[in-house]
C-alpha cells in the first residue's frame, strides 16, 4: 500500500538511513535538509510498495555519486539529481513512472525523495543494495540481470554526459567514477532504468520503510530510557534482516582516512576497557570488523558504528579520536547472500582474503533485553 513521507518523518528516516549505510552512503543530514525544503515547497512525497507497480512501468533510480568526504564540502544546491533523471529520460525517449534509491543508506536514501518532491514523481520503497556499497555494479539489480546503463550523470553547473556500456556494469562504474572525479569528486546520476517487473524481481523490498522504522526505534528507546541497541535488535528481528549482534564497545583510538580514486578509504581502531581492540576497514562504507585479529563481521553484512550514549550512527567521514562507540553487526537478506550476489559484492570484491560467514554465526552475543 502506498504512503507518504512528510517533514516530520525525515529525522527518523535520516537516522535509519545513516545506520543502514554502514558508515557510508553520504551524510543523510544534508539530504534531509534538502528534502525538507523541497517538501515544504512542493508537498509530501508518495512512496509506492513494489507490488503496486505495473509490470511495464518505467522506474529510474537516482543517486549521488562520489566520496563522502567531498560531499561535506560540496553541498548540492538541489536540482542536480532531477537534472540527471531528465537527461536520461531524454536519451531514452520515455518518461519515468517513478524513481527509486540505488541504496538505502546515507544521503542516497534522500536523493530520490528530493527528485520525487521537485519532479512530482512517486518513489518506490525498495533499493538495489540493501545497505550502501561504494561501486555502481554492486547492486542486486546487476546481480540479477538488469543493465545499469545507459547512465546519465550531471553536476551543479548543468554539465553532464550519458554513458552506455551495454550490460558491462563494471565498465559503467569505471567510466562514471572517472567523470565524477573530473566534475570535482561528487556528481548526480540516474541509472538502472527498469520495468516494474524487474523491480519486483531484483530489488531489496521496503527498505525506506525499514530505515524509517529503525530510526524511530532508536528515538523511542531514548525517550523511554531503554537500551537503543536492544530496541534495534527487536526492530530488525521483524524484518528480512533478522539478526543483530553487538560486536564491541569502547573508545576510538585511531582513524586513518584518505580520498583515493574517488573513494574514502581507511581504517579505525576501537579499544575496549579490557585492552582488547576492534579494527574496522572501510571504503566509503565499513567492510570488515576484526576483534583482536578475529573476524566478527564482514561485507555484505552490515558493520555499524553508533554513539555509545545515543546510538546515533557515525559515518566514516565523521569518525574521530576519542568518540565512545558501540559497534553492531546486522545480517543482510538472503538475496544478498547467494553465490551470485557474493561474486558481485562479497569480501573478495574488496580485496579481502576473508570468506563470507554470516554475522549470526560469527558472534553469539545478543544485546541485553532483545528477544
Protein backbone atom coordinates (compact mmCIF):
# COMPACT_ATOMS: atom_id res chain seq x y z
CA UNK A 1 0.00 0.00 0.00
CA UNK A 2 1.31 3.47 -0.86
CA UNK A 3 2.04 6.00 1.87
CA UNK A 4 3.51 9.49 2.12
CA UNK A 5 6.63 10.96 3.67
CA UNK A 6 6.30 14.39 5.23
CA UNK A 7 8.83 16.60 7.01
CA UNK A 8 8.02 15.08 10.41
CA UNK A 9 9.27 11.68 9.21
CA UNK A 10 12.63 12.93 7.96
CA UNK A 11 14.72 12.89 11.20
CA UNK A 12 13.83 9.24 11.88
CA UNK A 13 14.41 8.35 8.23
CA UNK A 14 17.80 10.08 8.19
CA UNK A 15 18.87 8.26 11.35
CA UNK A 16 17.80 4.90 9.98
CA UNK A 17 19.42 5.60 6.61
CA UNK A 18 22.71 6.52 8.27
CA UNK A 19 22.61 3.23 10.17
CA UNK A 20 21.80 1.15 7.08
CA UNK A 21 24.55 3.00 5.23
CA UNK A 22 27.12 1.14 7.38
CA UNK A 23 29.22 4.27 7.68
CA UNK A 24 28.84 5.35 4.04
CA UNK A 25 26.28 6.47 1.52
CA UNK A 26 26.95 10.15 2.22
CA UNK A 27 25.72 12.35 5.06
CA UNK A 28 21.92 11.92 5.37
CA UNK A 29 21.56 15.19 7.32
CA UNK A 30 22.46 17.19 4.22
CA UNK A 31 19.94 15.19 2.21
CA UNK A 32 17.30 15.57 4.92
CA UNK A 33 17.56 19.36 4.81
CA UNK A 34 17.26 19.38 1.01
CA UNK A 35 14.20 17.13 1.12
CA UNK A 36 12.64 19.17 3.92
CA UNK A 37 12.89 22.34 1.84
CA UNK A 38 11.52 20.54 -1.23
CA UNK A 39 8.55 19.05 0.64
CA UNK A 40 7.74 22.41 2.23
CA UNK A 41 7.63 23.92 -1.27
CA UNK A 42 6.04 21.08 -3.25
CA UNK A 43 4.24 18.87 -0.70
CA UNK A 44 4.71 15.32 0.66
CA UNK A 45 6.24 12.52 -1.41
CA UNK A 46 4.24 9.40 -2.27
CA UNK A 47 6.00 6.11 -1.52
CA UNK A 48 4.94 3.10 -3.61
CA UNK A 49 5.22 -0.50 -2.48
CA UNK A 50 6.96 -2.52 -5.23
CA UNK A 51 3.86 -4.70 -5.57
CA UNK A 52 1.87 -1.63 -6.71
CA UNK A 53 3.99 -1.09 -9.82
CA UNK A 54 2.60 -2.10 -13.20
CA UNK A 55 4.92 -4.60 -14.84
CA UNK A 56 5.60 -2.23 -17.76
CA UNK A 57 6.18 0.88 -15.58
CA UNK A 58 9.49 2.70 -16.14
CA UNK A 59 11.43 3.18 -12.91
CA UNK A 60 14.63 5.26 -12.99
CA UNK A 61 16.73 5.16 -9.80
CA UNK A 62 18.59 8.35 -8.85
CA UNK A 63 21.56 8.91 -6.56
CA UNK A 64 24.60 10.94 -5.61
CA UNK A 65 28.00 9.57 -6.60
CA UNK A 66 31.39 10.38 -5.08
CA UNK A 67 33.47 10.31 -1.93
CA UNK A 68 31.50 11.17 1.25
CA UNK A 69 34.37 13.37 2.45
CA UNK A 70 33.95 15.59 -0.64
CA UNK A 71 30.18 15.88 -0.14
CA UNK A 72 30.75 17.66 3.19
CA UNK A 73 32.49 20.44 1.27
CA UNK A 74 30.33 20.45 -1.89
CA UNK A 75 26.76 20.51 -0.65
CA UNK A 76 24.26 20.13 -3.51
CA UNK A 77 22.01 23.03 -4.47
CA UNK A 78 19.04 20.70 -5.03
CA UNK A 79 18.17 20.47 -8.77
CA UNK A 80 21.15 18.30 -9.78
CA UNK A 81 19.66 14.78 -9.39
CA UNK A 82 16.43 15.71 -11.18
CA UNK A 83 18.63 17.05 -13.97
CA UNK A 84 20.28 13.63 -14.29
CA UNK A 85 16.89 11.91 -14.47
CA UNK A 86 15.63 14.35 -17.14
CA UNK A 87 18.82 13.80 -19.15
CA UNK A 88 18.26 10.03 -19.09
CA UNK A 89 14.57 10.40 -19.95
CA UNK A 90 15.54 12.47 -22.98
CA UNK A 91 18.09 9.86 -24.04
CA UNK A 92 15.57 7.02 -23.67
CA UNK A 93 12.69 8.93 -25.24
CA UNK A 94 10.44 7.90 -22.34
CA UNK A 95 9.11 9.48 -19.15
CA UNK A 96 9.72 7.82 -15.80
CA UNK A 97 6.76 6.43 -13.86
CA UNK A 98 8.71 6.60 -10.59
CA UNK A 99 12.19 6.92 -9.14
CA UNK A 100 13.87 4.72 -6.52
CA UNK A 101 17.04 4.61 -4.38
CA UNK A 102 20.03 2.62 -5.63
CA UNK A 103 21.00 2.14 -1.97
CA UNK A 104 19.09 2.52 1.27
CA UNK A 105 21.89 4.19 3.24
CA UNK A 106 23.00 7.75 3.89
CA UNK A 107 22.18 10.62 1.56
CA UNK A 108 21.17 8.20 -1.19
CA UNK A 109 18.00 7.35 0.70
CA UNK A 110 17.18 11.06 0.45
CA UNK A 111 18.15 11.89 -3.14
CA UNK A 112 15.16 10.06 -4.71
CA UNK A 113 12.84 11.84 -2.26
CA UNK A 114 14.31 15.14 -3.45
CA UNK A 115 13.67 14.07 -7.05
CA UNK A 116 10.17 12.92 -6.11
CA UNK A 117 9.29 16.22 -4.46
CA UNK A 118 10.77 18.51 -7.11
CA UNK A 119 9.78 16.37 -10.09
CA UNK A 120 6.32 15.25 -8.93
CA UNK A 121 7.26 11.57 -9.02
CA UNK A 122 6.44 8.76 -6.58
CA UNK A 123 9.36 6.88 -5.01
CA UNK A 124 9.47 3.09 -4.86
CA UNK A 125 10.01 1.57 -1.39
CA UNK A 126 12.97 -0.59 -2.41
CA UNK A 127 16.60 -0.30 -3.48
CA UNK A 128 19.44 -2.22 -5.12
CA UNK A 129 21.93 -2.66 -2.28
CA UNK A 130 20.03 -3.27 0.95
CA UNK A 131 22.70 -1.09 2.59
CA UNK A 132 25.36 1.12 0.95
CA UNK A 133 28.19 -0.08 -1.32
CA UNK A 134 30.89 2.06 -2.94
CA UNK A 135 30.59 0.91 -6.57
CA UNK A 136 27.72 1.03 -9.04
CA UNK A 137 27.88 -2.59 -10.20
CA UNK A 138 27.46 -3.71 -6.57
CA UNK A 139 23.67 -3.85 -6.80
CA UNK A 140 21.10 -6.60 -6.69
CA UNK A 141 19.82 -5.12 -9.95
CA UNK A 142 23.15 -6.02 -11.54
CA UNK A 143 23.37 -9.41 -9.80
CA UNK A 144 20.03 -10.49 -11.22
CA UNK A 145 20.43 -9.23 -14.77
CA UNK A 146 19.47 -5.56 -15.09
CA UNK A 147 21.96 -3.43 -17.08
CA UNK A 148 22.97 -0.23 -15.32
CA UNK A 149 23.48 1.76 -18.49
CA UNK A 150 22.65 3.98 -20.15
CA UNK A 151 23.60 6.14 -17.17
CA UNK A 152 23.18 9.92 -17.06
CA UNK A 153 25.47 11.99 -14.88
CA UNK A 154 25.15 15.71 -14.04
CA UNK A 155 26.67 18.35 -11.80
CA UNK A 156 25.51 21.62 -10.26
CA UNK A 157 26.62 23.58 -13.34
CA UNK A 158 24.40 21.64 -15.73
CA UNK A 159 27.33 19.71 -17.18
CA UNK A 160 26.67 16.07 -17.89
CA UNK A 161 27.13 13.04 -20.09
CA UNK A 162 25.36 9.79 -20.90
CA UNK A 163 27.41 6.61 -20.53
CA UNK A 164 26.36 3.43 -22.32
CA UNK A 165 28.34 0.23 -21.77
CA UNK A 166 25.58 -2.24 -22.54
CA UNK A 167 25.47 -4.99 -19.92
CA UNK A 168 29.00 -4.27 -18.64
CA UNK A 169 28.11 -2.64 -15.32
CA UNK A 170 31.70 -2.76 -14.06
CA UNK A 171 32.87 -0.69 -17.04
CA UNK A 172 29.96 1.68 -16.45
CA UNK A 173 31.20 2.20 -12.88
CA UNK A 174 34.78 2.80 -14.04
CA UNK A 175 33.79 5.44 -16.58
CA UNK A 176 31.26 7.14 -14.29
CA UNK A 177 33.83 7.27 -11.48
CA UNK A 178 36.29 9.00 -13.79
CA UNK A 179 33.70 11.57 -14.86
CA UNK A 180 32.73 12.16 -11.21
CA UNK A 181 36.35 12.80 -10.25
CA UNK A 182 36.68 15.31 -13.08
CA UNK A 183 33.47 17.03 -12.00
CA UNK A 184 35.09 17.70 -8.64
CA UNK A 185 34.61 14.43 -6.76
CA UNK A 186 30.81 14.40 -6.49
CA UNK A 187 28.05 14.20 -9.11
CA UNK A 188 24.45 13.04 -9.55
CA UNK A 189 23.30 10.04 -11.53
CA UNK A 190 20.28 8.30 -13.00
CA UNK A 191 20.86 4.64 -13.91
CA UNK A 192 19.44 1.09 -13.97
CA UNK A 193 16.27 2.20 -15.77
CA UNK A 194 13.99 -0.82 -15.48
CA UNK A 195 10.45 -2.09 -15.67
CA UNK A 196 8.15 -2.58 -12.72
CA UNK A 197 8.52 -6.33 -13.23
CA UNK A 198 12.31 -6.04 -12.93
CA UNK A 199 11.94 -4.03 -9.72
CA UNK A 200 9.83 -6.80 -8.20
CA UNK A 201 12.33 -9.46 -9.31
CA UNK A 202 15.63 -7.78 -8.37
CA UNK A 203 15.21 -5.06 -5.72
CA UNK A 204 15.58 -5.37 -1.95
CA UNK A 205 11.99 -4.56 -0.89
CA UNK A 206 10.67 -1.98 1.58
CA UNK A 207 14.00 -0.53 2.68
CA UNK A 208 12.71 3.04 3.00
CA UNK A 209 10.12 1.63 5.43
CA UNK A 210 12.97 -0.20 7.17
CA UNK A 211 15.08 2.94 7.55
CA UNK A 212 12.12 4.81 8.98
CA UNK A 213 11.29 2.03 11.45
CA UNK A 214 14.82 1.54 12.79
CA UNK A 215 15.37 5.29 13.07
CA UNK A 216 12.11 5.56 15.01
CA UNK A 217 13.11 2.62 17.24
CA UNK A 218 16.29 4.41 18.35
CA UNK A 219 14.45 7.65 19.09
CA UNK A 220 11.65 6.00 21.02
CA UNK A 221 14.08 3.91 23.09
CA UNK A 222 15.96 7.05 24.11
CA UNK A 223 12.73 8.83 25.02
CA UNK A 224 11.67 5.85 27.14
CA UNK A 225 15.14 5.40 28.70
CA UNK A 226 15.57 1.92 27.19
CA UNK A 227 18.68 0.46 25.60
CA UNK A 228 18.52 1.64 21.96
CA UNK A 229 20.66 -1.25 20.70
CA UNK A 230 18.22 -3.74 22.22
CA UNK A 231 15.40 -1.78 20.55
CA UNK A 232 17.23 -2.02 17.23
CA UNK A 233 17.63 -5.78 17.64
CA UNK A 234 13.89 -6.09 18.21
CA UNK A 235 13.10 -3.88 15.20
CA UNK A 236 15.39 -5.81 12.84
CA UNK A 237 14.07 -9.17 14.04
CA UNK A 238 10.69 -8.30 12.48
CA UNK A 239 12.25 -7.77 9.02
CA UNK A 240 14.19 -9.71 6.39
CA UNK A 241 17.39 -8.52 8.14
CA UNK A 242 16.55 -10.65 11.18
CA UNK A 243 19.81 -10.77 13.19
CA UNK A 244 21.66 -8.06 15.12
CA UNK A 245 24.79 -8.77 17.13
CA UNK A 246 26.64 -6.30 19.34
CA UNK A 247 30.28 -6.67 18.36
CA UNK A 248 32.18 -4.26 20.61
CA UNK A 249 32.09 -1.17 22.77
CA UNK A 250 34.93 1.19 23.56
CA UNK A 251 36.74 4.35 22.51
CA UNK A 252 38.01 5.28 19.06
CA UNK A 253 41.80 5.47 19.43
CA UNK A 254 42.94 5.68 15.82
CA UNK A 255 41.45 6.74 12.47
CA UNK A 256 43.26 6.61 9.14
CA UNK A 257 41.29 8.09 6.23
CA UNK A 258 42.24 9.28 2.74
CA UNK A 259 40.43 10.02 -0.51
CA UNK A 260 41.78 7.75 -3.26
CA UNK A 261 40.36 7.19 -6.77
CA UNK A 262 37.08 8.83 -5.78
CA UNK A 263 36.63 6.78 -2.57
CA UNK A 264 37.15 7.48 1.12
CA UNK A 265 39.38 4.59 2.23
CA UNK A 266 40.84 3.82 5.62
CA UNK A 267 40.59 2.07 8.96
CA UNK A 268 39.51 2.80 12.51
CA UNK A 269 40.53 1.17 15.78
CA UNK A 270 38.25 0.99 18.82
CA UNK A 271 39.80 -0.01 22.17
CA UNK A 272 37.82 -1.67 24.93
CA UNK A 273 38.14 -1.16 28.67
CA UNK A 274 39.81 -4.57 28.95
CA UNK A 275 42.53 -3.65 26.45
CA UNK A 276 41.05 -5.58 23.54
CA UNK A 277 40.69 -3.84 20.19
CA UNK A 278 38.33 -3.88 17.24
CA UNK A 279 39.69 -2.81 13.85
CA UNK A 280 37.31 -1.73 11.09
CA UNK A 281 38.38 -1.33 7.46
CA UNK A 282 36.26 0.84 5.17
CA UNK A 283 35.89 2.01 1.56
CA UNK A 284 33.22 4.69 1.89
CA UNK A 285 31.35 2.01 3.90
CA UNK A 286 32.54 -0.25 6.72
CA UNK A 287 33.60 -3.55 5.15
CA UNK A 288 35.05 -5.80 7.83
CA UNK A 289 35.50 -5.87 11.61
CA UNK A 290 38.11 -7.90 13.46
CA UNK A 291 38.38 -8.17 17.24
CA UNK A 292 41.99 -8.85 18.26
CA UNK A 293 42.52 -10.22 14.77
CA UNK A 294 39.45 -12.49 14.80
CA UNK A 295 36.76 -11.88 12.19
CA UNK A 296 33.44 -10.80 13.75
CA UNK A 297 31.59 -9.33 10.73
CA UNK A 298 32.25 -8.96 7.01
CA UNK A 299 30.57 -7.48 3.91
CA UNK A 300 27.82 -7.80 2.73
CA UNK A 301 26.57 -7.96 6.34
CA UNK A 302 26.35 -4.53 7.96
CA UNK A 303 29.00 -3.14 10.33
CA UNK A 304 27.59 -0.03 12.03
CA UNK A 305 29.30 2.34 14.47
CA UNK A 306 26.95 4.03 16.96
CA UNK A 307 27.46 6.71 19.57
CA UNK A 308 27.67 4.87 22.89
CA UNK A 309 25.16 7.11 24.65
CA UNK A 310 22.62 7.99 21.97
CA UNK A 311 23.05 5.18 19.38
CA UNK A 312 23.23 7.84 16.65
CA UNK A 313 25.07 6.29 13.68
CA UNK A 314 28.53 7.66 12.94
CA UNK A 315 29.57 7.80 9.29
CA UNK A 316 33.15 7.05 8.27
CA UNK A 317 33.88 10.68 7.41
CA UNK A 318 32.79 11.72 10.92
CA UNK A 319 34.79 9.17 12.92
CA UNK A 320 37.10 10.95 15.36
CA UNK A 321 39.62 10.07 18.05
CA UNK A 322 38.05 9.87 21.49
CA UNK A 323 34.49 9.00 20.47
CA UNK A 324 32.79 6.45 22.73
CA UNK A 325 31.05 3.95 20.50
CA UNK A 326 29.14 0.70 20.25
CA UNK A 327 29.66 -1.39 17.13
CA UNK A 328 26.94 -3.69 15.84
CA UNK A 329 26.67 -6.22 13.03
CA UNK A 330 23.40 -6.82 11.16
CA UNK A 331 22.59 -9.68 8.80
CA UNK A 332 21.64 -8.91 5.21
CA UNK A 333 18.66 -10.51 3.41
CA UNK A 334 19.02 -13.89 1.72
CA UNK A 335 19.05 -12.45 -1.82
CA UNK A 336 22.27 -10.62 -0.85
CA UNK A 337 23.98 -13.81 0.34
CA UNK A 338 23.59 -16.00 -2.74
CA UNK A 339 26.74 -17.12 -4.61
CA UNK A 340 25.75 -14.77 -7.45
CA UNK A 341 25.48 -11.83 -5.03
CA UNK A 342 28.74 -12.61 -3.23
CA UNK A 343 30.51 -12.67 -6.60
CA UNK A 344 29.49 -9.01 -7.06
CA UNK A 345 29.77 -7.54 -3.54
CA UNK A 346 31.26 -10.21 -1.29
CA UNK A 347 34.60 -9.88 0.55
CA UNK A 348 36.78 -10.79 -2.43
CA UNK A 349 35.33 -7.89 -4.43
CA UNK A 350 37.05 -5.51 -1.99
CA UNK A 351 40.37 -7.33 -1.97
CA UNK A 352 39.65 -9.04 1.34
CA UNK A 353 41.01 -12.53 1.98
CA UNK A 354 38.14 -13.45 4.31
CA UNK A 355 35.42 -15.82 3.18
CA UNK A 356 31.90 -14.61 3.89
CA UNK A 357 30.47 -16.01 7.12
CA UNK A 358 27.08 -14.75 8.37
CA UNK A 359 27.36 -12.41 11.35
CA UNK A 360 24.97 -14.56 13.38
CA UNK A 361 27.41 -17.49 13.01
CA UNK A 362 30.46 -15.41 13.94
CA UNK A 363 29.20 -13.76 17.07
CA UNK A 364 26.73 -15.04 19.66
CA UNK A 365 26.29 -12.00 21.87
CA UNK A 366 22.77 -10.55 21.62
CA UNK A 367 22.08 -7.14 23.26
CA UNK A 368 20.55 -7.40 26.72
CA UNK A 369 16.78 -7.09 26.62
CA UNK A 370 16.49 -8.17 22.99
CA UNK A 371 14.33 -11.14 22.19
